[in-house]
């Protein structure tokens, strides 16, 4: 399941936002933000639920369900997204002082996350099950965006949303893939190697998708 999580969790923030903005401008990021808002909670709900059910196999349906819900409620990302969603729905406004402080934190978030990613990956050489690593890279960089391309074409998505969907799908696995593997102690080296190798390979694969998408 940890390997499956690597395949479905693209680096939508660190890579997807910056590449889309660079290629098509800041006005093209509406689709990216919509994807990010639902992508992380959706993937984490699926990943944690399946992982807890597998880990609690033989304990009964209710025990496994309770373990899955408990795992989701303890996840910092799920908690943060849920609190942010509740605050937005409430219609309340942040005090100016708190808003300014959060803006400063947000400006530092991407550089800090990139530093943390490098700090973790430096511990691992590209190793583990090479076939699994190559499988993750192929799914993340080629199959995933190809599927989005097909679905987007079939449903007639507007051009800006189509571009955002394909480019987000074409990103390498994100740091959350390693965090998930580390959280359950499964396939950590495969996850770390997949993030490292796929991120390097995406220099070529993303260029290909950008060429196919056109100006």
Protein backbone atom coordinates (compact mmCIF):
# COMPACT_ATOMS: atom_id res chain seq x y z
CA UNK A 1 0.00 0.00 0.00
CA UNK A 2 2.91 2.36 0.70
CA UNK A 3 4.10 1.81 -2.89
CA UNK A 4 0.58 2.46 -4.18
CA UNK A 5 0.50 5.69 -2.17
CA UNK A 6 3.71 6.79 -3.92
CA UNK A 7 1.99 6.26 -7.28
CA UNK A 8 -1.08 8.35 -6.48
CA UNK A 9 0.54 11.21 -4.55
CA UNK A 10 2.09 13.74 -6.95
CA UNK A 11 4.18 16.69 -5.78
CA UNK A 12 1.42 19.17 -6.56
CA UNK A 13 2.74 22.01 -4.38
CA UNK A 14 6.53 22.14 -4.63
CA UNK A 15 6.68 21.20 -8.32
CA UNK A 16 3.17 21.49 -9.75
CA UNK A 17 2.52 25.10 -8.75
CA UNK A 18 5.91 26.45 -9.76
CA UNK A 19 6.04 24.67 -13.14
CA UNK A 20 2.47 25.59 -14.08
CA UNK A 21 3.00 29.21 -13.11
CA UNK A 22 6.27 29.37 -15.02
CA UNK A 23 4.71 27.82 -18.13
CA UNK A 24 1.30 29.51 -18.25
CA UNK A 25 1.35 32.37 -15.73
CA UNK A 26 -0.27 32.90 -12.30
CA UNK A 27 -3.77 33.12 -13.81
CA UNK A 28 -3.52 29.43 -14.78
CA UNK A 29 -3.25 28.22 -11.17
CA UNK A 30 -6.97 28.03 -10.40
CA UNK A 31 -7.12 24.37 -11.36
CA UNK A 32 -3.95 23.64 -9.39
CA UNK A 33 -5.38 25.08 -6.20
CA UNK A 34 -8.63 23.17 -6.68
CA UNK A 35 -6.70 19.92 -7.08
CA UNK A 36 -4.49 20.60 -4.05
CA UNK A 37 -7.52 21.33 -1.85
CA UNK A 38 -8.99 17.85 -2.46
CA UNK A 39 -5.96 15.79 -3.49
CA UNK A 40 -4.21 15.48 -0.12
CA UNK A 41 -7.24 14.64 2.04
CA UNK A 42 -8.59 12.23 -0.61
CA UNK A 43 -5.28 10.37 -0.94
CA UNK A 44 -4.66 10.27 2.80
CA UNK A 45 -8.18 9.00 3.53
CA UNK A 46 -7.73 6.17 1.03
CA UNK A 47 -4.17 5.37 2.12
CA UNK A 48 -4.80 5.40 5.86
CA UNK A 49 -8.08 3.48 5.56
CA UNK A 50 -6.56 0.67 3.47
CA UNK A 51 -3.41 0.54 5.61
CA UNK A 52 -5.35 0.31 8.87
CA UNK A 53 -7.70 -2.34 7.49
CA UNK A 54 -4.74 -4.42 6.30
CA UNK A 55 -2.89 -3.98 9.57
CA UNK A 56 -6.00 -4.87 11.56
CA UNK A 57 -6.86 -7.90 9.45
CA UNK A 58 -8.52 -10.52 11.58
CA UNK A 59 -9.73 -8.03 14.23
CA UNK A 60 -13.18 -7.62 12.77
CA UNK A 61 -14.81 -4.95 10.68
CA UNK A 62 -15.65 -2.54 13.51
CA UNK A 63 -12.16 -2.69 15.04
CA UNK A 64 -10.55 -2.02 11.66
CA UNK A 65 -12.95 0.85 10.95
CA UNK A 66 -12.22 2.41 14.33
CA UNK A 67 -8.46 2.07 13.73
CA UNK A 68 -8.79 3.72 10.31
CA UNK A 69 -10.79 6.64 11.71
CA UNK A 70 -8.33 7.01 14.57
CA UNK A 71 -5.41 7.06 12.13
CA UNK A 72 -7.04 9.81 10.06
CA UNK A 73 -7.91 11.90 13.10
CA UNK A 74 -4.28 11.78 14.29
CA UNK A 75 -2.87 12.87 10.93
CA UNK A 76 -1.65 16.48 11.10
CA UNK A 77 -2.36 17.14 7.42
CA UNK A 78 -5.96 15.95 7.67
CA UNK A 79 -6.49 18.00 10.86
CA UNK A 80 -5.03 21.13 9.26
CA UNK A 81 -7.14 20.83 6.11
CA UNK A 82 -10.30 20.15 8.11
CA UNK A 83 -9.70 23.16 10.39
CA UNK A 84 -8.94 25.40 7.40
CA UNK A 85 -12.09 24.25 5.61
CA UNK A 86 -14.21 24.84 8.72
CA UNK A 87 -12.76 28.32 9.14
CA UNK A 88 -13.42 29.24 5.51
CA UNK A 89 -17.01 28.02 5.73
CA UNK A 90 -17.57 29.98 8.94
CA UNK A 91 -17.02 33.29 7.12
CA UNK A 92 -14.80 34.61 9.89
CA UNK A 93 -11.79 36.80 9.12
CA UNK A 94 -8.36 36.49 10.67
CA UNK A 95 -7.08 39.46 12.68
CA UNK A 96 -4.56 41.50 10.69
CA UNK A 97 -1.72 40.55 13.03
CA UNK A 98 -2.41 36.80 12.66
CA UNK A 99 -2.85 37.16 8.89
CA UNK A 100 0.52 38.90 8.53
CA UNK A 101 2.22 36.25 10.66
CA UNK A 102 0.73 33.42 8.60
CA UNK A 103 1.78 35.18 5.38
CA UNK A 104 5.39 35.20 6.60
CA UNK A 105 5.16 31.51 7.49
CA UNK A 106 3.66 30.71 4.07
CA UNK A 107 6.55 32.46 2.31
CA UNK A 108 9.01 30.27 4.17
CA UNK A 109 7.03 27.05 3.77
CA UNK A 110 8.23 25.99 0.30
CA UNK A 111 11.97 26.62 0.91
CA UNK A 112 11.73 24.89 4.30
CA UNK A 113 9.92 21.91 2.78
CA UNK A 114 12.55 21.59 0.04
CA UNK A 115 15.31 21.70 2.65
CA UNK A 116 13.53 19.05 4.72
CA UNK A 117 13.08 16.87 1.63
CA UNK A 118 16.78 17.08 0.81
CA UNK A 119 17.72 16.43 4.43
CA UNK A 120 15.70 13.22 4.49
CA UNK A 121 16.72 11.94 1.06
CA UNK A 122 20.42 12.47 1.71
CA UNK A 123 20.19 9.53 4.12
CA UNK A 124 19.23 7.17 1.33
CA UNK A 125 21.10 6.07 -1.72
CA UNK A 126 18.98 4.99 -4.70
CA UNK A 127 18.37 1.45 -3.50
CA UNK A 128 15.66 -0.96 -2.52
CA UNK A 129 13.55 -2.98 -4.92
CA UNK A 130 14.59 -1.45 -8.27
CA UNK A 131 11.57 -2.89 -10.06
CA UNK A 132 9.23 -1.28 -7.56
CA UNK A 133 11.06 2.05 -7.87
CA UNK A 134 10.88 1.96 -11.68
CA UNK A 135 7.20 0.98 -11.49
CA UNK A 136 6.45 4.02 -9.29
CA UNK A 137 8.40 6.29 -11.65
CA UNK A 138 6.58 4.97 -14.73
CA UNK A 139 3.14 5.32 -13.13
CA UNK A 140 3.83 8.79 -11.72
CA UNK A 141 5.54 10.36 -14.72
CA UNK A 142 3.83 8.63 -17.67
CA UNK A 143 0.73 6.56 -16.89
CA UNK A 144 -0.89 8.96 -14.41
CA UNK A 145 -0.79 12.03 -16.73
CA UNK A 146 -1.78 9.90 -19.72
CA UNK A 147 -4.93 8.79 -17.87
CA UNK A 148 -5.75 12.38 -16.92
CA UNK A 149 -5.20 13.40 -20.55
CA UNK A 150 -7.64 10.73 -21.70
CA UNK A 151 -10.30 11.57 -19.10
CA UNK A 152 -9.90 15.30 -19.70
CA UNK A 153 -10.26 14.90 -23.45
CA UNK A 154 -13.30 12.64 -23.08
CA UNK A 155 -15.08 15.07 -20.73
CA UNK A 156 -14.13 18.23 -22.64
CA UNK A 157 -12.32 20.05 -19.84
CA UNK A 158 -11.51 23.73 -20.48
CA UNK A 159 -7.93 24.26 -21.62
CA UNK A 160 -6.64 25.84 -18.40
CA UNK A 161 -8.10 23.11 -16.20
CA UNK A 162 -6.89 20.45 -18.62
CA UNK A 163 -3.34 21.79 -18.43
CA UNK A 164 -3.43 21.97 -14.64
CA UNK A 165 -4.74 18.42 -14.36
CA UNK A 166 -2.18 16.89 -16.71
CA UNK A 167 0.78 18.77 -15.25
CA UNK A 168 -0.17 17.95 -11.65
CA UNK A 169 -0.55 14.30 -12.60
CA UNK A 170 2.87 14.36 -14.30
CA UNK A 171 4.75 15.47 -11.18
CA UNK A 172 7.05 13.11 -9.30
CA UNK A 173 5.86 11.62 -5.99
CA UNK A 174 5.87 14.22 -3.24
CA UNK A 175 7.47 14.20 0.18
CA UNK A 176 4.17 13.00 1.65
CA UNK A 177 4.79 9.64 -0.04
CA UNK A 178 7.88 9.17 2.12
CA UNK A 179 6.09 10.46 5.22
CA UNK A 180 3.32 7.92 4.69
CA UNK A 181 5.79 5.07 4.24
CA UNK A 182 7.70 6.21 7.33
CA UNK A 183 4.49 6.52 9.34
CA UNK A 184 3.74 2.82 8.83
CA UNK A 185 7.35 1.60 8.57
CA UNK A 186 6.78 0.06 5.15
CA UNK A 187 8.78 0.44 1.89
CA UNK A 188 10.68 3.46 3.22
CA UNK A 189 13.67 2.97 0.97
CA UNK A 190 11.49 2.39 -2.08
CA UNK A 191 9.52 5.55 -1.29
CA UNK A 192 12.66 7.64 -0.74
CA UNK A 193 14.34 6.31 -3.88
CA UNK A 194 11.17 6.83 -5.91
CA UNK A 195 10.92 10.46 -4.84
CA UNK A 196 14.59 11.03 -5.60
CA UNK A 197 14.76 9.25 -8.99
CA UNK A 198 11.36 10.40 -10.24
CA UNK A 199 12.12 14.01 -9.34
CA UNK A 200 15.32 13.84 -11.39
CA UNK A 201 13.62 12.05 -14.29
CA UNK A 202 10.78 14.57 -14.31
CA UNK A 203 13.17 17.12 -15.84
CA UNK A 204 12.71 15.22 -19.11
CA UNK A 205 9.17 13.87 -18.68
CA UNK A 206 7.64 17.21 -17.69
CA UNK A 207 9.35 18.86 -20.67
CA UNK A 208 7.65 16.24 -22.87
CA UNK A 209 4.20 16.90 -21.39
CA UNK A 210 4.67 20.66 -21.74
CA UNK A 211 5.57 20.17 -25.40
CA UNK A 212 2.44 18.05 -25.94
CA UNK A 213 0.22 20.55 -24.16
CA UNK A 214 1.54 23.39 -26.29
CA UNK A 215 1.66 27.13 -25.54
